[in-house]
Amino acid sequence: MTTIERQMKGVLWGTVTTTCTCNEEEMNDIDEPYTCYGECWDDMVEDFANVVAPLFTNGEDEHCVNGDYRWGYKFVIEGIGLWDRTVGGTVVVKDAKELLRAMTVNADYILRWKFDEPNLELSARLSHHDCPMGSIVTVTPTALFHVEQ
């Protein structure tokens, strides 16, 4: 199974997990690098980034407005379940990797996401040690935002 599990009428589902594993292939030559198979972190993040790319486009270069790379994208994130409460807030991020970091926890987790491209709606079920049944995380894009440096 790939990280993008299914697609239907512009809606895609997938999974990102910090507990992925890669298998070393038996090597004939000790100097030859091994090939990593399976759902490795970089592949999952790349799949997620490709799917949610419409959240980060503004008709120009996806991270650049009029040659100015100090722009970011503002999102409201709600529903991150912790052991004693549910949290959320507003974040400004430059790319999908930063968005993924903002909508997860600093621990091992499984994020089962759904992206409705026609409506630009991103939601996910986030499961981790303190919330094993998962919490529903919603991500709402609000604006293109200038990042002060």
N, C-alpha and C. Protein backbone atom coordinates (compact mmCIF):
# COMPACT_ATOMS: atom_id res chain seq x y z
N MET A 1 0.85 -1.18 0.00
CA MET A 1 0.00 0.00 0.00
C MET A 1 0.89 1.23 0.00
N THR A 2 0.52 2.21 -0.76
CA THR A 2 1.28 3.46 -0.79
C THR A 2 0.76 4.41 0.26
N THR A 3 1.46 5.54 0.42
CA THR A 3 1.01 6.52 1.41
C THR A 3 -0.27 7.22 0.96
N ILE A 4 -0.52 7.26 -0.34
CA ILE A 4 -1.80 7.78 -0.84
C ILE A 4 -2.66 6.56 -1.09
N GLU A 5 -3.68 6.37 -0.27
CA GLU A 5 -4.41 5.11 -0.26
C GLU A 5 -5.54 5.05 -1.27
N ARG A 6 -6.22 6.14 -1.49
CA ARG A 6 -7.33 6.12 -2.45
C ARG A 6 -7.67 7.53 -2.87
N GLN A 7 -8.39 7.59 -3.97
CA GLN A 7 -8.79 8.88 -4.52
C GLN A 7 -10.19 8.74 -5.07
N MET A 8 -11.04 9.76 -4.82
CA MET A 8 -12.40 9.73 -5.32
C MET A 8 -12.89 11.16 -5.51
N LYS A 9 -13.20 11.53 -6.74
CA LYS A 9 -13.78 12.85 -7.05
C LYS A 9 -13.02 14.01 -6.42
N GLY A 10 -11.70 14.02 -6.57
CA GLY A 10 -10.90 15.11 -6.04
C GLY A 10 -10.60 15.03 -4.56
N VAL A 11 -10.98 13.92 -3.91
CA VAL A 11 -10.69 13.73 -2.50
C VAL A 11 -9.66 12.61 -2.38
N LEU A 12 -8.56 12.89 -1.69
CA LEU A 12 -7.50 11.90 -1.51
C LEU A 12 -7.32 11.59 -0.04
N TRP A 13 -7.00 10.33 0.25
CA TRP A 13 -6.74 9.87 1.60
C TRP A 13 -5.34 9.30 1.64
N GLY A 14 -4.67 9.44 2.77
CA GLY A 14 -3.34 8.87 2.91
C GLY A 14 -2.92 8.80 4.36
N THR A 15 -1.70 8.33 4.58
CA THR A 15 -1.18 8.14 5.93
C THR A 15 0.25 8.64 6.01
N VAL A 16 0.56 9.29 7.12
CA VAL A 16 1.93 9.64 7.47
C VAL A 16 2.15 9.09 8.87
N THR A 17 3.23 8.34 9.05
CA THR A 17 3.53 7.79 10.36
C THR A 17 5.01 7.93 10.67
N THR A 18 5.34 8.18 11.92
CA THR A 18 6.74 8.27 12.32
C THR A 18 7.30 6.89 12.64
N THR A 19 6.49 5.87 12.58
CA THR A 19 6.95 4.52 12.93
C THR A 19 7.17 3.66 11.70
N CYS A 20 7.48 4.27 10.56
CA CYS A 20 7.72 3.49 9.35
C CYS A 20 9.06 2.76 9.47
N THR A 21 9.20 1.72 8.69
CA THR A 21 10.45 0.95 8.70
C THR A 21 10.95 0.77 7.28
N CYS A 22 12.24 0.67 7.16
CA CYS A 22 12.88 0.41 5.87
C CYS A 22 13.68 -0.89 6.02
N ASN A 23 13.71 -1.69 4.99
CA ASN A 23 14.41 -2.97 5.04
C ASN A 23 15.68 -2.89 4.22
N GLU A 24 16.78 -3.38 4.80
CA GLU A 24 18.02 -3.42 4.05
C GLU A 24 18.00 -4.63 3.14
N GLU A 25 18.35 -4.40 1.90
CA GLU A 25 18.46 -5.48 0.94
C GLU A 25 19.82 -6.15 1.16
N GLU A 26 19.86 -7.47 1.03
CA GLU A 26 21.15 -8.13 1.15
C GLU A 26 22.08 -7.60 0.08
N MET A 27 23.28 -7.25 0.47
CA MET A 27 24.21 -6.60 -0.45
C MET A 27 25.25 -7.59 -0.94
N ASN A 28 25.53 -7.53 -2.25
CA ASN A 28 26.59 -8.34 -2.82
C ASN A 28 27.94 -7.68 -2.60
N ASP A 29 27.97 -6.37 -2.64
CA ASP A 29 29.19 -5.60 -2.49
C ASP A 29 29.04 -4.72 -1.26
N ILE A 30 29.98 -4.80 -0.36
CA ILE A 30 29.88 -4.08 0.90
C ILE A 30 29.85 -2.55 0.70
N ASP A 31 30.43 -2.06 -0.40
CA ASP A 31 30.45 -0.62 -0.66
C ASP A 31 29.17 -0.12 -1.31
N GLU A 32 28.33 -1.03 -1.75
CA GLU A 32 27.09 -0.66 -2.43
C GLU A 32 26.05 -0.21 -1.42
N PRO A 33 25.43 0.96 -1.61
CA PRO A 33 24.41 1.40 -0.65
C PRO A 33 23.17 0.51 -0.74
N TYR A 34 22.49 0.34 0.39
CA TYR A 34 21.28 -0.47 0.37
C TYR A 34 20.10 0.34 -0.16
N THR A 35 19.12 -0.36 -0.67
CA THR A 35 17.91 0.26 -1.18
C THR A 35 16.85 0.17 -0.09
N CYS A 36 16.17 1.26 0.14
CA CYS A 36 15.15 1.31 1.17
C CYS A 36 13.79 1.11 0.52
N TYR A 37 13.07 0.09 0.96
CA TYR A 37 11.75 -0.19 0.43
C TYR A 37 10.69 0.19 1.45
N GLY A 38 9.48 0.35 1.03
CA GLY A 38 8.38 0.61 1.96
C GLY A 38 8.07 2.08 2.09
N GLU A 39 7.28 2.39 3.10
CA GLU A 39 6.78 3.75 3.30
C GLU A 39 7.73 4.51 4.21
N CYS A 40 8.81 4.96 3.66
CA CYS A 40 9.80 5.71 4.43
C CYS A 40 9.35 7.15 4.60
N TRP A 41 9.90 7.80 5.61
CA TRP A 41 9.49 9.14 6.00
C TRP A 41 9.52 10.13 4.83
N ASP A 42 10.62 10.21 4.13
CA ASP A 42 10.73 11.19 3.04
C ASP A 42 9.67 10.97 1.97
N ASP A 43 9.38 9.71 1.66
CA ASP A 43 8.36 9.40 0.65
C ASP A 43 6.98 9.84 1.13
N MET A 44 6.68 9.59 2.40
CA MET A 44 5.37 9.98 2.93
C MET A 44 5.20 11.49 2.94
N VAL A 45 6.24 12.20 3.36
CA VAL A 45 6.17 13.66 3.40
C VAL A 45 6.05 14.22 1.98
N GLU A 46 6.79 13.63 1.04
CA GLU A 46 6.70 14.09 -0.35
C GLU A 46 5.30 13.85 -0.93
N ASP A 47 4.72 12.68 -0.65
CA ASP A 47 3.35 12.41 -1.11
C ASP A 47 2.37 13.41 -0.52
N PHE A 48 2.48 13.65 0.79
CA PHE A 48 1.61 14.61 1.47
C PHE A 48 1.78 15.99 0.84
N ALA A 49 3.02 16.42 0.61
CA ALA A 49 3.29 17.74 0.03
C ALA A 49 2.71 17.87 -1.37
N ASN A 50 2.84 16.82 -2.16
CA ASN A 50 2.30 16.87 -3.53
C ASN A 50 0.78 16.98 -3.52
N VAL A 51 0.13 16.28 -2.60
CA VAL A 51 -1.33 16.30 -2.54
C VAL A 51 -1.85 17.65 -2.06
N VAL A 52 -1.24 18.21 -1.02
CA VAL A 52 -1.75 19.47 -0.46
C VAL A 52 -1.15 20.70 -1.13
N ALA A 53 -0.41 20.52 -2.21
CA ALA A 53 0.20 21.65 -2.93
C ALA A 53 -0.78 22.77 -3.27
N PRO A 54 -2.06 22.46 -3.60
CA PRO A 54 -3.00 23.56 -3.88
C PRO A 54 -3.18 24.54 -2.72
N LEU A 55 -2.87 24.12 -1.49
CA LEU A 55 -2.96 25.04 -0.35
C LEU A 55 -1.83 26.07 -0.37
N PHE A 56 -0.77 25.79 -1.15
CA PHE A 56 0.43 26.63 -1.13
C PHE A 56 0.69 27.32 -2.46
N THR A 57 -0.29 27.42 -3.32
CA THR A 57 -0.06 28.10 -4.59
C THR A 57 -0.85 29.39 -4.61
N ASN A 58 -0.30 30.36 -5.29
CA ASN A 58 -0.95 31.65 -5.39
C ASN A 58 -0.87 32.19 -6.82
N GLY A 59 -0.69 31.28 -7.78
CA GLY A 59 -0.59 31.69 -9.17
C GLY A 59 0.83 31.99 -9.60
N GLU A 60 1.76 31.99 -8.66
CA GLU A 60 3.16 32.23 -8.97
C GLU A 60 3.96 31.05 -8.42
N ASP A 61 5.26 31.23 -8.28
CA ASP A 61 6.09 30.20 -7.65
C ASP A 61 5.48 29.88 -6.29
N GLU A 62 5.42 28.61 -5.92
CA GLU A 62 4.65 28.23 -4.73
C GLU A 62 5.19 28.81 -3.43
N HIS A 63 6.43 29.25 -3.37
CA HIS A 63 6.97 29.82 -2.14
C HIS A 63 7.46 31.25 -2.34
N CYS A 64 7.04 31.88 -3.41
CA CYS A 64 7.62 33.18 -3.74
C CYS A 64 6.54 34.11 -4.30
N VAL A 65 6.48 35.32 -3.80
CA VAL A 65 5.55 36.31 -4.32
C VAL A 65 6.36 37.50 -4.81
N ASN A 66 6.29 37.76 -6.10
CA ASN A 66 7.03 38.88 -6.71
C ASN A 66 8.51 38.88 -6.31
N GLY A 67 9.13 37.69 -6.30
CA GLY A 67 10.55 37.59 -5.98
C GLY A 67 10.87 37.67 -4.50
N ASP A 68 9.86 37.74 -3.64
CA ASP A 68 10.06 37.88 -2.20
C ASP A 68 9.76 36.54 -1.52
N TYR A 69 10.80 35.91 -0.96
CA TYR A 69 10.63 34.60 -0.32
C TYR A 69 10.27 34.71 1.16
N ARG A 70 9.87 35.88 1.61
CA ARG A 70 9.49 36.05 3.02
C ARG A 70 7.99 35.89 3.23
N TRP A 71 7.32 35.27 2.30
CA TRP A 71 5.88 35.06 2.42
C TRP A 71 5.60 33.67 2.96
N GLY A 72 4.56 33.54 3.72
CA GLY A 72 4.13 32.25 4.22
C GLY A 72 2.64 32.13 4.08
N TYR A 73 2.11 31.02 4.49
CA TYR A 73 0.68 30.75 4.39
C TYR A 73 0.12 30.54 5.79
N LYS A 74 -1.00 31.20 6.05
CA LYS A 74 -1.59 31.20 7.39
C LYS A 74 -2.72 30.17 7.44
N PHE A 75 -2.70 29.33 8.48
CA PHE A 75 -3.71 28.29 8.67
C PHE A 75 -4.21 28.31 10.11
N VAL A 76 -5.47 27.93 10.28
CA VAL A 76 -6.03 27.66 11.60
C VAL A 76 -6.08 26.15 11.74
N ILE A 77 -5.44 25.64 12.79
CA ILE A 77 -5.41 24.20 13.06
C ILE A 77 -6.16 23.96 14.36
N GLU A 78 -7.12 23.04 14.32
CA GLU A 78 -7.93 22.75 15.51
C GLU A 78 -8.02 21.25 15.73
N GLY A 79 -8.13 20.85 17.00
CA GLY A 79 -8.46 19.47 17.32
C GLY A 79 -7.30 18.54 17.64
N ILE A 80 -6.11 19.05 17.91
CA ILE A 80 -4.98 18.17 18.25
C ILE A 80 -5.19 17.66 19.67
N GLY A 81 -5.44 16.38 19.80
CA GLY A 81 -5.71 15.78 21.10
C GLY A 81 -4.45 15.48 21.88
N LEU A 82 -4.40 15.98 23.11
CA LEU A 82 -3.32 15.65 24.04
C LEU A 82 -3.91 14.81 25.16
N TRP A 83 -3.14 14.44 26.14
CA TRP A 83 -3.66 13.56 27.19
C TRP A 83 -4.73 14.22 28.05
N ASP A 84 -4.66 15.56 28.19
CA ASP A 84 -5.60 16.23 29.09
C ASP A 84 -6.44 17.31 28.43
N ARG A 85 -6.26 17.53 27.14
CA ARG A 85 -7.02 18.60 26.48
C ARG A 85 -6.84 18.49 24.97
N THR A 86 -7.61 19.30 24.27
CA THR A 86 -7.48 19.43 22.82
C THR A 86 -6.97 20.83 22.53
N VAL A 87 -5.97 20.93 21.67
CA VAL A 87 -5.36 22.23 21.39
C VAL A 87 -5.44 22.57 19.91
N GLY A 88 -5.16 23.80 19.61
CA GLY A 88 -5.14 24.29 18.23
C GLY A 88 -4.61 25.70 18.23
N GLY A 89 -4.61 26.31 17.08
CA GLY A 89 -4.13 27.68 16.99
C GLY A 89 -3.92 28.09 15.56
N THR A 90 -3.31 29.25 15.39
CA THR A 90 -3.01 29.80 14.08
C THR A 90 -1.52 29.70 13.85
N VAL A 91 -1.14 29.23 12.67
CA VAL A 91 0.27 29.10 12.32
C VAL A 91 0.53 29.74 10.96
N VAL A 92 1.76 30.17 10.76
CA VAL A 92 2.21 30.63 9.45
C VAL A 92 3.34 29.70 9.04
N VAL A 93 3.17 29.04 7.91
CA VAL A 93 4.16 28.08 7.43
C VAL A 93 4.53 28.40 5.99
N LYS A 94 5.69 27.91 5.57
CA LYS A 94 6.14 28.16 4.21
C LYS A 94 5.88 26.98 3.29
N ASP A 95 5.71 25.76 3.86
CA ASP A 95 5.54 24.59 3.00
C ASP A 95 4.79 23.49 3.73
N ALA A 96 4.54 22.41 3.02
CA ALA A 96 3.75 21.30 3.56
C ALA A 96 4.47 20.60 4.71
N LYS A 97 5.79 20.54 4.68
CA LYS A 97 6.52 19.90 5.78
C LYS A 97 6.31 20.67 7.08
N GLU A 98 6.34 21.99 7.02
CA GLU A 98 6.08 22.81 8.21
C GLU A 98 4.63 22.65 8.66
N LEU A 99 3.70 22.55 7.71
CA LEU A 99 2.30 22.35 8.06
C LEU A 99 2.12 21.01 8.77
N LEU A 100 2.76 19.97 8.25
CA LEU A 100 2.68 18.65 8.87
C LEU A 100 3.21 18.70 10.30
N ARG A 101 4.31 19.40 10.52
CA ARG A 101 4.87 19.53 11.86
C ARG A 101 3.90 20.27 12.79
N ALA A 102 3.20 21.27 12.25
CA ALA A 102 2.27 22.07 13.06
C ALA A 102 1.02 21.29 13.44
N MET A 103 0.62 20.32 12.62
CA MET A 103 -0.62 19.60 12.90
C MET A 103 -0.41 18.26 13.58
N THR A 104 0.81 18.01 14.06
CA THR A 104 1.11 16.75 14.75
C THR A 104 1.76 17.05 16.10
N VAL A 105 2.17 16.00 16.79
CA VAL A 105 2.80 16.12 18.10
C VAL A 105 4.28 15.72 18.00
N ASN A 106 5.04 16.09 19.01
CA ASN A 106 6.46 15.75 19.05
C ASN A 106 6.62 14.37 19.71
N ALA A 107 6.16 13.35 19.03
CA ALA A 107 6.21 11.97 19.52
C ALA A 107 5.90 11.07 18.32
N ASP A 108 5.95 9.76 18.53
CA ASP A 108 5.53 8.84 17.48
C ASP A 108 4.04 8.99 17.25
N TYR A 109 3.62 9.01 16.00
CA TYR A 109 2.20 9.18 15.69
C TYR A 109 1.86 8.53 14.37
N ILE A 110 0.56 8.37 14.17
CA ILE A 110 0.00 7.99 12.87
C ILE A 110 -1.02 9.06 12.52
N LEU A 111 -0.86 9.66 11.34
CA LEU A 111 -1.77 10.69 10.87
C LEU A 111 -2.45 10.16 9.61
N ARG A 112 -3.74 9.92 9.70
CA ARG A 112 -4.53 9.46 8.55
C ARG A 112 -5.27 10.69 8.02
N TRP A 113 -4.79 11.22 6.90
CA TRP A 113 -5.29 12.49 6.40
C TRP A 113 -6.25 12.30 5.24
N LYS A 114 -7.08 13.34 5.05
CA LYS A 114 -8.01 13.42 3.92
C LYS A 114 -7.94 14.83 3.38
N PHE A 115 -7.73 14.95 2.07
CA PHE A 115 -7.67 16.27 1.44
C PHE A 115 -8.73 16.35 0.36
N ASP A 116 -9.66 17.29 0.52
CA ASP A 116 -10.71 17.55 -0.45
C ASP A 116 -10.24 18.72 -1.29
N GLU A 117 -9.63 18.42 -2.44
CA GLU A 117 -9.01 19.46 -3.25
C GLU A 117 -10.01 20.49 -3.78
N PRO A 118 -11.18 20.09 -4.29
CA PRO A 118 -12.11 21.11 -4.80
C PRO A 118 -12.51 22.15 -3.76
N ASN A 119 -12.58 21.75 -2.49
CA ASN A 119 -12.98 22.67 -1.42
C ASN A 119 -11.80 23.14 -0.57
N LEU A 120 -10.59 22.70 -0.90
CA LEU A 120 -9.39 23.02 -0.13
C LEU A 120 -9.56 22.74 1.36
N GLU A 121 -10.08 21.55 1.67
CA GLU A 121 -10.31 21.14 3.06
C GLU A 121 -9.37 20.00 3.42
N LEU A 122 -8.60 20.20 4.49
CA LEU A 122 -7.68 19.18 4.99
C LEU A 122 -8.10 18.79 6.39
N SER A 123 -8.29 17.50 6.59
CA SER A 123 -8.60 16.99 7.93
C SER A 123 -7.83 15.70 8.14
N ALA A 124 -7.72 15.29 9.39
CA ALA A 124 -6.94 14.09 9.68
C ALA A 124 -7.35 13.50 11.02
N ARG A 125 -7.08 12.21 11.18
CA ARG A 125 -7.18 11.55 12.49
C ARG A 125 -5.76 11.35 12.97
N LEU A 126 -5.41 11.97 14.10
CA LEU A 126 -4.07 11.91 14.67
C LEU A 126 -4.09 10.99 15.88
N SER A 127 -3.36 9.88 15.79
CA SER A 127 -3.26 8.92 16.90
C SER A 127 -1.83 8.90 17.41
N HIS A 128 -1.69 8.90 18.73
CA HIS A 128 -0.36 8.81 19.36
C HIS A 128 -0.54 8.27 20.77
N HIS A 129 0.56 8.15 21.50
CA HIS A 129 0.54 7.52 22.82
C HIS A 129 -0.51 8.10 23.76
N ASP A 130 -0.64 9.41 23.82
CA ASP A 130 -1.58 10.05 24.74
C ASP A 130 -3.00 10.14 24.19
N CYS A 131 -3.19 9.78 22.94
CA CYS A 131 -4.51 9.83 22.32
C CYS A 131 -4.62 8.65 21.33
N PRO A 132 -4.59 7.42 21.85
CA PRO A 132 -4.52 6.24 20.97
C PRO A 132 -5.74 6.05 20.07
N MET A 133 -6.90 6.53 20.47
CA MET A 133 -8.09 6.40 19.62
C MET A 133 -8.11 7.48 18.54
N GLY A 134 -7.29 8.47 18.70
CA GLY A 134 -7.17 9.52 17.70
C GLY A 134 -8.07 10.70 17.96
N SER A 135 -7.63 11.84 17.47
CA SER A 135 -8.43 13.06 17.51
C SER A 135 -8.56 13.56 16.09
N ILE A 136 -9.64 14.28 15.82
CA ILE A 136 -9.87 14.82 14.48
C ILE A 136 -9.26 16.21 14.40
N VAL A 137 -8.28 16.35 13.53
CA VAL A 137 -7.58 17.61 13.34
C VAL A 137 -8.11 18.24 12.06
N THR A 138 -8.49 19.51 12.12
CA THR A 138 -8.93 20.23 10.92
C THR A 138 -7.95 21.36 10.64
N VAL A 139 -7.71 21.58 9.36
CA VAL A 139 -6.79 22.63 8.92
C VAL A 139 -7.54 23.51 7.95
N THR A 140 -7.60 24.81 8.27
CA THR A 140 -8.32 25.76 7.44
C THR A 140 -7.36 26.83 6.95
N PRO A 141 -7.17 26.95 5.63
CA PRO A 141 -6.31 28.02 5.12
C PRO A 141 -7.02 29.36 5.28
N THR A 142 -6.26 30.38 5.70
CA THR A 142 -6.89 31.68 5.88
C THR A 142 -6.33 32.75 4.98
N ALA A 143 -4.99 32.79 4.77
CA ALA A 143 -4.45 33.89 3.97
C ALA A 143 -3.00 33.63 3.60
N LEU A 144 -2.55 34.35 2.60
CA LEU A 144 -1.13 34.48 2.31
C LEU A 144 -0.63 35.55 3.26
N PHE A 145 0.50 35.35 3.90
CA PHE A 145 0.91 36.17 5.01
C PHE A 145 2.38 36.54 4.87
N HIS A 146 2.73 37.81 5.12
CA HIS A 146 4.12 38.25 5.05
C HIS A 146 4.81 37.91 6.36
N VAL A 147 5.96 37.21 6.26
CA VAL A 147 6.71 36.79 7.44
C VAL A 147 7.76 37.84 7.75
N GLU A 148 7.70 38.42 8.96
CA GLU A 148 8.70 39.40 9.36
C GLU A 148 10.01 38.68 9.69
N GLN A 149 11.12 39.27 9.28
CA GLN A 149 12.43 38.63 9.55
C GLN A 149 13.26 39.45 10.48
